Structures are given as C-alpha cells and as structure tokens.
Amino acid sequence: MSLPVVKRARHAKSLIDRDFDRLNLVDRYARGAHRAPWMPAKANAEFKDLVKRSILNVSSLAVEAPLNALRVSGFRKPGSGENAFEWKYWQKNRLDERQNAVHRAALTSGAAYVVVTPDPRKGRREPVIRAYDAISTVAVYADPAWDEHPLFALHVPEQQPDEDRTVGFLWDDVAKYTVDLDAEPESAVLASEPHGMGVCPVVRFSPAVDLRGRSRSLVEPLITPQDRLNQQTLSLLLTEHWGAHAIRWASGLAPSERLDPETGDPLRDPETGEPVYDVPSLDPSTLLMAPNSDARFGQLPTMPTGDLLASRRQTVEEIMGLADVPPHYLAGSNLVNLSADALAAAETSFKRFLSTLQDSLGESWESVFRLCALVAGRGEIEQDESQVEWAEKATRSLAQAADAMVKLMQQGVPLSVALRKVPGFSQADIDEAVKAAEEAARKAEAAEAEALKQQKEAVNGGVDSQKRRDPAGGGRVPGRAGSAGR
C-alpha cells in the first residue's frame, strides 16, 4: 500500500511545485506586494522612495468587494424554518469566522480546499473541519469538471517541523497519510489514520471551473493592468515632485563675494585662490534685482498633469470593469450624488456576478455538510434537498426592507422567510422574532377564547334569570288571568 501512496504524493507535490511561482505572485498582488515599476539602474534614494509610494493596490478590490457579500447564514431544507442537524458542526468548528478565510483564498488563487475528517479526540462521530489554500495544496480528480470528490489530495505545510525533510499529508478514500516526500518509498509513509468515510474527504472551493477542470482566479487577470497603473502613478509622482512647480531663472547677474565674518575681507578658495561667491537664492520669497541692464529674469512653466491623471483614471476603470466591481466602490469615481435606484442599477452586473459566486461556493459548502453528516453516522453520503442560505447584503435602507417585508407577508409569505430579506438580521434574530410572534399569536388566541367564553356565560346567565322570572317561559302574565275560574 505504501508504494502507491508515495507515488501519488510525489505526483501531487510536482503539481504544487509547478504552480507555486504563479500562485505566489497572485497572492502577493492581492496583498499589495507588487513588482516595482521600472526605474533607472542608477536611481537615487529620492527616486526609489517615490517608487515605493507609487504602489496603489486596486486589484485587491476584485476579492474584497464580493467577499463582503459572501456570508453563509444557515443550512436548511426548503420550507423549513430551522437549520438542519449538520449546522451544529458549522458552529462547533467556528466557521462563522473562518468562512471568510476560505472564500478569500478561493477568490484570490482560484481554489481553496476544505477537509472533513473524524476528530480523534472526540470519537468517530464528531467531524473536524480544516481549510487549506491552493499554494500548498492540490487535489487530483478523475474528472475535475464533474466529480464532487477527488481521488486524492496532498497538503504540504509551509512551516516544516524538520528542515532536513519535507513532510506532507495525503488523503484518499481510505485514510490520511503522513508522508516524507524526501525519503525512500519503502519508508516514506510515516503514519496512516483510516477515516472510514469511503470517499476522499476533500472539497474544492472555486469561483468558477471550466469543462477542463481549470479554476479561475479573480486577481490574476488584473496583474498586467495593475502594473500599468503603478507605472502611471510613478510618472504622476515624478511630475508632481519635480515639474509641478515653476522654476525661476536669472542670467547676467554679478554674484556677490563671500566675506569673512571677522575681518570683512573677501574669502578665497584655498586651492585656486579665486574669490568665493554666494549663490543667489531663487526661492519664491526672494526679490531679485540687478544693477546690470543686461540681466534677464524669467521662469520655466509647470508641467501639466491632466493627461497623466486621465490615463490613470482610464486604467482604473479598466481594472474595475475586469473585476466586475461597481465604479462607485472606488473613491474618486465620476458617479456622485446618485439616488438609491441609480446605485442599484450600477450594481446590476455585480449582483449577477455575486449570484454566480454563491452558486459555486454554496455547492461546495453543501458537500462539506454532507461529509459532516457522513462522519456523524447519519446515513450514506447522498444528494439531499438542504441548501446553503446566504445572508442578505443588498444596498437597501432598513425602511425599504421593512416595507418589502410587510408586503410579502400580506401576500402570505411566512414571517421567517420575509425576515431573511432584512439586512443585518441573523438567523438567531429571525428565530427570536418568529418565537415572539408565535407567543403573541397564542396569547391573542387565548384572550379571544376567554372573551368568547365570558360572552357565552353572560348570554347563558341572562337566559337562566329570565326563566326564573317566568317558569312557563311566556315572559308576561296574560290579562284577566285571575278571574278565569269565575
């Protein structure tokens, strides 16, 4: 068994090494560690400082903008107001916080991987969830476009416990293996932990996968325009630093000799014996005068920055277009004083893009929940009807959302469904609101029933009193009844 495991591990390691430089570059650009713009080989310290200031990380918006709207808030079957049984493992693994790291890695590198295995510390029925990025992890599929789970996957930690060897962790449908990638095949498998799940417990997260199994990074297409933007920013800084101010000049001036402050005699250069002259000051606070009629004064005009700003603005718009990010997400855009309807129209394309991301990432999270159910012993892994619920992140005011919620309820939509459309409402808030509404409805029904009971008792009491006054039930004694027998 060790030989096939080692062969698979070394093949996966070669795939990690093949893509390492490319994915590491993408990760650097997402974090703002860009390649420096071009500069002369003999650039001075002042020029190099301007180069450092010219880095403007706009490409990170391709990840941060959709990331703010990607938040899983529940996992339930259609028509159910409560989360499914597997949701408790989401909470136990603190995925409310950690889901952002998974989404960020998937959007940045094009892929991220989540592993679900039994927790050996808590028994075989408790799943533990771990996530890894694509720089140090790879999964190999029989059909990478259609298969839900890979044949095997390998993760090589960046920080190794021993600098003399490279240790990786490989998962397949049988076990998790600890493999020494530098050792001989016979002794390379250091440990084996069977998981008993029947499938490789690894799920790939990607914003998009084509029919050839290639995943798409949101940052990689922006590297070239980002480099162009940094170069344009450097040109703008150079122009502002050295050419944005008027330069004053003068010719035909008779320079004044520098005098000794003690004796008042002119100073002379100790090597040449020539007089030492004071350099005239040409700053804006100095008034220049000359007794010589041949003297000339003037100033060089400032260098215009309008063309540089326009070119830079165009590059920024290209980046925003490639990233499917609305232009008003970046300060300084031409969209100002827009109404809510205009903002919603500007975000139409972005919302469609978010819907695509939610479809892709939601399917991956559903696979994670199915693996959790498998570990918990709740049946064989299969496709069920439960779906991931995404938190509402639309650009709407609370008044608009409340008005829409009331109209939905008037059409018969349940309160638990209508409240999901209100921004900022968590699942706990929805459950509390539904519980309070149900309690209020029970109290109202009880009060109505008590009122009907009292009304019925009052009616019955009035009839009994009337019967006691007129046992015959006539309600009135007939005239001359007393003389009927005479």
Foldseek 3Di string as FASTA:
>chain_A
DLLVVLVVQLVQVVVLVVCQVVLVQLVCLLVQNADFADDDPPDDPVLVVLSVVLRDRPLNCLQVVLLVQFAFFAKFFPPDLDGDPLVVLCVVQVVNPVVSVQSSLQQRRFKKKKFWFADPVPDLQRIHIDIGHSNFKDFAAPFLVDDFAHQKMKGWDPDDPDPVWTWIWMFGQFWIWIATNPDDSVPGTPDTGGRPQRGGRMGMFGLDADRRNDGDHLRSVCSVLSSVLSNLSSVLVVLVVPFQDKAKDKPPADFDFDADPPPRHFDADPPPRHTHTDDDDDDPVDDDDHPDPPMDIDIDHGDDCVVSVVVSVVSSVVSCVSSLHQPVVDPPDPDPPDDPVVVVVSCPSVVVSSVSSCVRRFVRVVSNSLSSCSSNPVDHRDDDRMTTDTQADDPDDQVVLVVQLVVVVVVVDDQSVSVSNGHPQHSVNSVVVVVVVVVVVVVVVVVVVVVVVVVVVVVVVVVVVQCVVPVVPPSDDDPPPVVPVD
